[in-house]
Amino acid sequence: MAKPQRDSNPAQEYPSETEARTILLSLGISQEAVDSHLKLLAKMGANEQLKFPPMEVPQHQLLSNGFRL
């Protein structure tokens, strides 16, 4: 497991909300958090990112889901 860095901000784009939901749930983010954050997508601009609270995710899991670290 990698220790998060203070300035780390891994990000990834997904072509659909369904795919994003699947990945977020596989990373251990709760269904409630995923639902509330994805509702914000309609209100966000094209270049804005959804931000989730810091959490520990194994580095191999991030890499396997397409995140570049």
PDB file of N, CA and C in Angstrom:
ATOM      1  N   MET A   1       0.847  -1.159   0.000  1.00  0.00           N
ATOM      2  CA  MET A   1       0.000   0.000   0.000  1.00  0.00           C
ATOM      3  C   MET A   1       0.899   1.230   0.000  1.00  0.00           C
ATOM      4  N   ALA A   2       0.602   2.169  -0.808  1.00  0.00           N
ATOM      5  CA  ALA A   2       1.406   3.384  -0.885  1.00  0.00           C
ATOM      6  C   ALA A   2       0.863   4.426   0.075  1.00  0.00           C
ATOM      7  N   LYS A   3       1.769   5.110   0.736  1.00  0.00           N
ATOM      8  CA  LYS A   3       1.368   6.199   1.614  1.00  0.00           C
ATOM      9  C   LYS A   3       1.032   7.404   0.746  1.00  0.00           C
ATOM     10  N   PRO A   4      -0.148   7.993   0.929  1.00  0.00           N
ATOM     11  CA  PRO A   4      -0.517   9.121   0.081  1.00  0.00           C
ATOM     12  C   PRO A   4       0.396  10.321   0.324  1.00  0.00           C
ATOM     13  N   GLN A   5       0.694  11.020  -0.721  1.00  0.00           N
ATOM     14  CA  GLN A   5       1.496  12.226  -0.615  1.00  0.00           C
ATOM     15  C   GLN A   5       0.568  13.413  -0.425  1.00  0.00           C
ATOM     16  N   ARG A   6       1.076  14.445   0.203  1.00  0.00           N
ATOM     17  CA  ARG A   6       0.251  15.615   0.495  1.00  0.00           C
ATOM     18  C   ARG A   6      -0.322  16.233  -0.780  1.00  0.00           C
ATOM     19  N   ASP A   7       0.453  16.218  -1.857  1.00  0.00           N
ATOM     20  CA  ASP A   7      -0.005  16.857  -3.086  1.00  0.00           C
ATOM     21  C   ASP A   7      -0.506  15.860  -4.122  1.00  0.00           C
ATOM     22  N   SER A   8      -0.709  14.602  -3.717  1.00  0.00           N
ATOM     23  CA  SER A   8      -1.158  13.610  -4.693  1.00  0.00           C
ATOM     24  C   SER A   8      -2.613  13.872  -5.063  1.00  0.00           C
ATOM     25  N   ASN A   9      -2.908  13.697  -6.330  1.00  0.00           N
ATOM     26  CA  ASN A   9      -4.262  13.911  -6.817  1.00  0.00           C
ATOM     27  C   ASN A   9      -4.492  13.025  -8.032  1.00  0.00           C
ATOM     28  N   PRO A  10      -4.499  11.692  -7.848  1.00  0.00           N
ATOM     29  CA  PRO A  10      -4.724  10.838  -9.009  1.00  0.00           C
ATOM     30  C   PRO A  10      -6.113  11.084  -9.589  1.00  0.00           C
ATOM     31  N   ALA A  11      -6.160  11.177 -10.895  1.00  0.00           N
ATOM     32  CA  ALA A  11      -7.436  11.425 -11.565  1.00  0.00           C
ATOM     33  C   ALA A  11      -7.543  10.531 -12.787  1.00  0.00           C
ATOM     34  N   GLN A  12      -8.765  10.261 -13.157  1.00  0.00           N
ATOM     35  CA  GLN A  12      -9.011   9.413 -14.325  1.00  0.00           C
ATOM     36  C   GLN A  12     -10.336   9.846 -14.929  1.00  0.00           C
ATOM     37  N   GLU A  13     -10.431   9.802 -16.244  1.00  0.00           N
ATOM     38  CA  GLU A  13     -11.690  10.114 -16.933  1.00  0.00           C
ATOM     39  C   GLU A  13     -12.335   8.819 -17.407  1.00  0.00           C
ATOM     40  N   TYR A  14     -13.665   8.779 -17.355  1.00  0.00           N
ATOM     41  CA  TYR A  14     -14.419   7.611 -17.803  1.00  0.00           C
ATOM     42  C   TYR A  14     -15.496   8.060 -18.772  1.00  0.00           C
ATOM     43  N   PRO A  15     -15.771   7.249 -19.790  1.00  0.00           N
ATOM     44  CA  PRO A  15     -16.725   7.647 -20.828  1.00  0.00           C
ATOM     45  C   PRO A  15     -18.191   7.651 -20.383  1.00  0.00           C
ATOM     46  N   SER A  16     -18.501   6.968 -19.296  1.00  0.00           N
ATOM     47  CA  SER A  16     -19.891   6.923 -18.855  1.00  0.00           C
ATOM     48  C   SER A  16     -19.974   6.964 -17.332  1.00  0.00           C
ATOM     49  N   GLU A  17     -21.124   7.410 -16.865  1.00  0.00           N
ATOM     50  CA  GLU A  17     -21.363   7.429 -15.422  1.00  0.00           C
ATOM     51  C   GLU A  17     -21.373   6.016 -14.864  1.00  0.00           C
ATOM     52  N   THR A  18     -21.889   5.069 -15.632  1.00  0.00           N
ATOM     53  CA  THR A  18     -21.944   3.672 -15.187  1.00  0.00           C
ATOM     54  C   THR A  18     -20.540   3.127 -14.939  1.00  0.00           C
ATOM     55  N   GLU A  19     -19.628   3.392 -15.870  1.00  0.00           N
ATOM     56  CA  GLU A  19     -18.254   2.913 -15.697  1.00  0.00           C
ATOM     57  C   GLU A  19     -17.585   3.601 -14.509  1.00  0.00           C
ATOM     58  N   ALA A  20     -17.803   4.896 -14.366  1.00  0.00           N
ATOM     59  CA  ALA A  20     -17.234   5.625 -13.228  1.00  0.00           C
ATOM     60  C   ALA A  20     -17.770   5.065 -11.914  1.00  0.00           C
ATOM     61  N   ARG A  21     -19.070   4.807 -11.853  1.00  0.00           N
ATOM     62  CA  ARG A  21     -19.698   4.252 -10.645  1.00  0.00           C
ATOM     63  C   ARG A  21     -19.076   2.908 -10.280  1.00  0.00           C
ATOM     64  N   THR A  22     -18.891   2.052 -11.273  1.00  0.00           N
ATOM     65  CA  THR A  22     -18.309   0.728 -11.038  1.00  0.00           C
ATOM     66  C   THR A  22     -16.909   0.841 -10.443  1.00  0.00           C
ATOM     67  N   ILE A  23     -16.085   1.711 -11.015  1.00  0.00           N
ATOM     68  CA  ILE A  23     -14.709   1.885 -10.531  1.00  0.00           C
ATOM     69  C   ILE A  23     -14.706   2.464  -9.125  1.00  0.00           C
ATOM     70  N   LEU A  24     -15.515   3.486  -8.879  1.00  0.00           N
ATOM     71  CA  LEU A  24     -15.542   4.115  -7.554  1.00  0.00           C
ATOM     72  C   LEU A  24     -15.951   3.113  -6.479  1.00  0.00           C
ATOM     73  N   LEU A  25     -16.953   2.298  -6.781  1.00  0.00           N
ATOM     74  CA  LEU A  25     -17.382   1.289  -5.814  1.00  0.00           C
ATOM     75  C   LEU A  25     -16.281   0.254  -5.590  1.00  0.00           C
ATOM     76  N   SER A  26     -15.551  -0.114  -6.646  1.00  0.00           N
ATOM     77  CA  SER A  26     -14.473  -1.104  -6.494  1.00  0.00           C
ATOM     78  C   SER A  26     -13.306  -0.555  -5.678  1.00  0.00           C
ATOM     79  N   LEU A  27     -13.181   0.776  -5.612  1.00  0.00           N
ATOM     80  CA  LEU A  27     -12.120   1.390  -4.812  1.00  0.00           C
ATOM     81  C   LEU A  27     -12.501   1.504  -3.339  1.00  0.00           C
ATOM     82  N   GLY A  28     -13.725   1.110  -3.007  1.00  0.00           N
ATOM     83  CA  GLY A  28     -14.147   1.120  -1.609  1.00  0.00           C
ATOM     84  C   GLY A  28     -14.924   2.350  -1.196  1.00  0.00           C
ATOM     85  N   ILE A  29     -15.326   3.164  -2.155  1.00  0.00           N
ATOM     86  CA  ILE A  29     -16.136   4.341  -1.842  1.00  0.00           C
ATOM     87  C   ILE A  29     -17.570   3.866  -1.670  1.00  0.00           C
ATOM     88  N   SER A  30     -18.220   4.336  -0.630  1.00  0.00           N
ATOM     89  CA  SER A  30     -19.565   3.857  -0.315  1.00  0.00           C
ATOM     90  C   SER A  30     -20.569   4.225  -1.406  1.00  0.00           C
ATOM     91  N   GLN A  31     -21.615   3.422  -1.513  1.00  0.00           N
ATOM     92  CA  GLN A  31     -22.688   3.667  -2.484  1.00  0.00           C
ATOM     93  C   GLN A  31     -23.279   5.059  -2.281  1.00  0.00           C
ATOM     94  N   GLU A  32     -23.473   5.458  -1.035  1.00  0.00           N
ATOM     95  CA  GLU A  32     -24.067   6.761  -0.735  1.00  0.00           C
ATOM     96  C   GLU A  32     -23.164   7.897  -1.218  1.00  0.00           C
ATOM     97  N   ALA A  33     -21.860   7.780  -0.984  1.00  0.00           N
ATOM     98  CA  ALA A  33     -20.921   8.814  -1.420  1.00  0.00           C
ATOM     99  C   ALA A  33     -20.868   8.888  -2.939  1.00  0.00           C
ATOM    100  N   VAL A  34     -20.855   7.732  -3.594  1.00  0.00           N
ATOM    101  CA  VAL A  34     -20.832   7.704  -5.054  1.00  0.00           C
ATOM    102  C   VAL A  34     -22.093   8.370  -5.600  1.00  0.00           C
ATOM    103  N   ASP A  35     -23.248   8.004  -5.070  1.00  0.00           N
ATOM    104  CA  ASP A  35     -24.511   8.585  -5.538  1.00  0.00           C
ATOM    105  C   ASP A  35     -24.523  10.096  -5.372  1.00  0.00           C
ATOM    106  N   SER A  36     -24.127  10.589  -4.198  1.00  0.00           N
ATOM    107  CA  SER A  36     -24.191  12.030  -3.957  1.00  0.00           C
ATOM    108  C   SER A  36     -23.187  12.789  -4.819  1.00  0.00           C
ATOM    109  N   HIS A  37     -21.998  12.219  -5.029  1.00  0.00           N
ATOM    110  CA  HIS A  37     -20.996  12.901  -5.855  1.00  0.00           C
ATOM    111  C   HIS A  37     -21.385  12.888  -7.328  1.00  0.00           C
ATOM    112  N   LEU A  38     -21.917  11.778  -7.814  1.00  0.00           N
ATOM    113  CA  LEU A  38     -22.279  11.718  -9.229  1.00  0.00           C
ATOM    114  C   LEU A  38     -23.470  12.616  -9.557  1.00  0.00           C
ATOM    115  N   LYS A  39     -24.305  12.903  -8.576  1.00  0.00           N
ATOM    116  CA  LYS A  39     -25.405  13.860  -8.792  1.00  0.00           C
ATOM    117  C   LYS A  39     -24.856  15.250  -9.089  1.00  0.00           C
ATOM    118  N   LEU A  40     -23.656  15.536  -8.589  1.00  0.00           N
ATOM    119  CA  LEU A  40     -23.038  16.842  -8.812  1.00  0.00           C
ATOM    120  C   LEU A  40     -22.551  17.024 -10.253  1.00  0.00           C
ATOM    121  N   LEU A  41     -22.378  15.936 -10.985  1.00  0.00           N
ATOM    122  CA  LEU A  41     -21.857  16.029 -12.348  1.00  0.00           C
ATOM    123  C   LEU A  41     -22.672  16.982 -13.225  1.00  0.00           C
ATOM    124  N   ALA A  42     -23.985  16.952 -13.085  1.00  0.00           N
ATOM    125  CA  ALA A  42     -24.842  17.802 -13.909  1.00  0.00           C
ATOM    126  C   ALA A  42     -24.606  19.281 -13.634  1.00  0.00           C
ATOM    127  N   LYS A  43     -24.098  19.604 -12.459  1.00  0.00           N
ATOM    128  CA  LYS A  43     -23.879  20.998 -12.069  1.00  0.00           C
ATOM    129  C   LYS A  43     -22.449  21.466 -12.325  1.00  0.00           C
ATOM    130  N   MET A  44     -21.584  20.560 -12.749  1.00  0.00           N
ATOM    131  CA  MET A  44     -20.167  20.886 -12.880  1.00  0.00           C
ATOM    132  C   MET A  44     -19.817  21.285 -14.307  1.00  0.00           C
ATOM    133  N   GLY A  45     -18.752  22.084 -14.420  1.00  0.00           N
ATOM    134  CA  GLY A  45     -18.238  22.461 -15.723  1.00  0.00           C
ATOM    135  C   GLY A  45     -17.437  21.325 -16.337  1.00  0.00           C
ATOM    136  N   ALA A  46     -17.113  21.468 -17.600  1.00  0.00           N
ATOM    137  CA  ALA A  46     -16.423  20.408 -18.341  1.00  0.00           C
ATOM    138  C   ALA A  46     -15.048  20.077 -17.777  1.00  0.00           C
ATOM    139  N   ASN A  47     -14.342  21.025 -17.219  1.00  0.00           N
ATOM    140  CA  ASN A  47     -12.980  20.788 -16.738  1.00  0.00           C
ATOM    141  C   ASN A  47     -12.881  20.606 -15.234  1.00  0.00           C
ATOM    142  N   GLU A  48     -14.006  20.495 -14.553  1.00  0.00           N
ATOM    143  CA  GLU A  48     -13.992  20.295 -13.114  1.00  0.00           C
ATOM    144  C   GLU A  48     -13.885  18.809 -12.790  1.00  0.00           C
ATOM    145  N   GLN A  49     -13.302  18.515 -11.624  1.00  0.00           N
ATOM    146  CA  GLN A  49     -13.143  17.136 -11.177  1.00  0.00           C
ATOM    147  C   GLN A  49     -13.963  16.910  -9.918  1.00  0.00           C
ATOM    148  N   LEU A  50     -14.535  15.712  -9.816  1.00  0.00           N
ATOM    149  CA  LEU A  50     -15.163  15.310  -8.558  1.00  0.00           C
ATOM    150  C   LEU A  50     -14.054  15.031  -7.565  1.00  0.00           C
ATOM    151  N   LYS A  51     -14.204  15.499  -6.360  1.00  0.00           N
ATOM    152  CA  LYS A  51     -13.195  15.255  -5.328  1.00  0.00           C
ATOM    153  C   LYS A  51     -13.840  14.461  -4.199  1.00  0.00           C
ATOM    154  N   PHE A  52     -13.142  13.405  -3.801  1.00  0.00           N
ATOM    155  CA  PHE A  52     -13.603  12.550  -2.718  1.00  0.00           C
ATOM    156  C   PHE A  52     -12.688  12.728  -1.526  1.00  0.00           C
ATOM    157  N   PRO A  53     -13.168  12.428  -0.331  1.00  0.00           N
ATOM    158  CA  PRO A  53     -12.310  12.523   0.852  1.00  0.00           C
ATOM    159  C   PRO A  53     -11.088  11.610   0.702  1.00  0.00           C
ATOM    160  N   PRO A  54      -9.973  11.978   1.314  1.00  0.00           N
ATOM    161  CA  PRO A  54      -8.784  11.114   1.245  1.00  0.00           C
ATOM    162  C   PRO A  54      -9.095   9.726   1.780  1.00  0.00           C
ATOM    163  N   MET A  55      -8.532   8.728   1.130  1.00  0.00           N
ATOM    164  CA  MET A  55      -8.706   7.360   1.582  1.00  0.00           C
ATOM    165  C   MET A  55      -7.512   6.549   1.119  1.00  0.00           C
ATOM    166  N   GLU A  56      -7.279   5.455   1.793  1.00  0.00           N
ATOM    167  CA  GLU A  56      -6.178   4.581   1.423  1.00  0.00           C
ATOM    168  C   GLU A  56      -6.666   3.528   0.446  1.00  0.00           C
ATOM    169  N   VAL A  57      -6.040   3.518  -0.722  1.00  0.00           N
ATOM    170  CA  VAL A  57      -6.348   2.530  -1.757  1.00  0.00           C
ATOM    171  C   VAL A  57      -5.016   1.914  -2.167  1.00  0.00           C
ATOM    172  N   PRO A  58      -4.925   0.604  -2.196  1.00  0.00           N
ATOM    173  CA  PRO A  58      -3.667  -0.030  -2.597  1.00  0.00           C
ATOM    174  C   PRO A  58      -3.233   0.452  -3.988  1.00  0.00           C
ATOM    175  N   GLN A  59      -1.938   0.717  -4.124  1.00  0.00           N
ATOM    176  CA  GLN A  59      -1.409   1.245  -5.372  1.00  0.00           C
ATOM    177  C   GLN A  59      -1.725   0.327  -6.551  1.00  0.00           C
ATOM    178  N   HIS A  60      -1.622  -0.975  -6.350  1.00  0.00           N
ATOM    179  CA  HIS A  60      -1.907  -1.895  -7.451  1.00  0.00           C
ATOM    180  C   HIS A  60      -3.359  -1.787  -7.916  1.00  0.00           C
ATOM    181  N   GLN A  61      -4.258  -1.474  -7.004  1.00  0.00           N
ATOM    182  CA  GLN A  61      -5.667  -1.337  -7.365  1.00  0.00           C
ATOM    183  C   GLN A  61      -5.877  -0.074  -8.204  1.00  0.00           C
ATOM    184  N   LEU A  62      -5.200   1.007  -7.828  1.00  0.00           N
ATOM    185  CA  LEU A  62      -5.285   2.226  -8.624  1.00  0.00           C
ATOM    186  C   LEU A  62      -4.732   1.990 -10.032  1.00  0.00           C
ATOM    187  N   LEU A  63      -3.563   1.362 -10.096  1.00  0.00           N
ATOM    188  CA  LEU A  63      -2.935   1.092 -11.392  1.00  0.00           C
ATOM    189  C   LEU A  63      -3.802   0.205 -12.265  1.00  0.00           C
ATOM    190  N   SER A  64      -4.430  -0.808 -11.670  1.00  0.00           N
ATOM    191  CA  SER A  64      -5.269  -1.726 -12.453  1.00  0.00           C
ATOM    192  C   SER A  64      -6.544  -1.055 -12.967  1.00  0.00           C
ATOM    193  N   ASN A  65      -6.904   0.076 -12.366  1.00  0.00           N
ATOM    194  CA  ASN A  65      -8.071   0.821 -12.816  1.00  0.00           C
ATOM    195  C   ASN A  65      -7.700   2.012 -13.688  1.00  0.00           C
ATOM    196  N   GLY A  66      -6.450   2.048 -14.141  1.00  0.00           N
ATOM    197  CA  GLY A  66      -6.042   3.064 -15.105  1.00  0.00           C
ATOM    198  C   GLY A  66      -5.479   4.347 -14.537  1.00  0.00           C
ATOM    199  N   PHE A  67      -5.329   4.452 -13.227  1.00  0.00           N
ATOM    200  CA  PHE A  67      -4.749   5.656 -12.645  1.00  0.00           C
ATOM    201  C   PHE A  67      -3.247   5.653 -12.858  1.00  0.00           C
ATOM    202  N   ARG A  68      -2.700   6.803 -13.206  1.00  0.00           N
ATOM    203  CA  ARG A  68      -1.258   6.956 -13.331  1.00  0.00           C
ATOM    204  C   ARG A  68      -0.759   7.625 -12.060  1.00  0.00           C
ATOM    205  N   LEU A  69       0.238   7.022 -11.445  1.00  0.00           N
ATOM    206  CA  LEU A  69       0.760   7.565 -10.187  1.00  0.00           C
ATOM    207  C   LEU A  69       2.151   8.112 -10.375  1.00  0.00           C
TER     208      LEU A  69
END
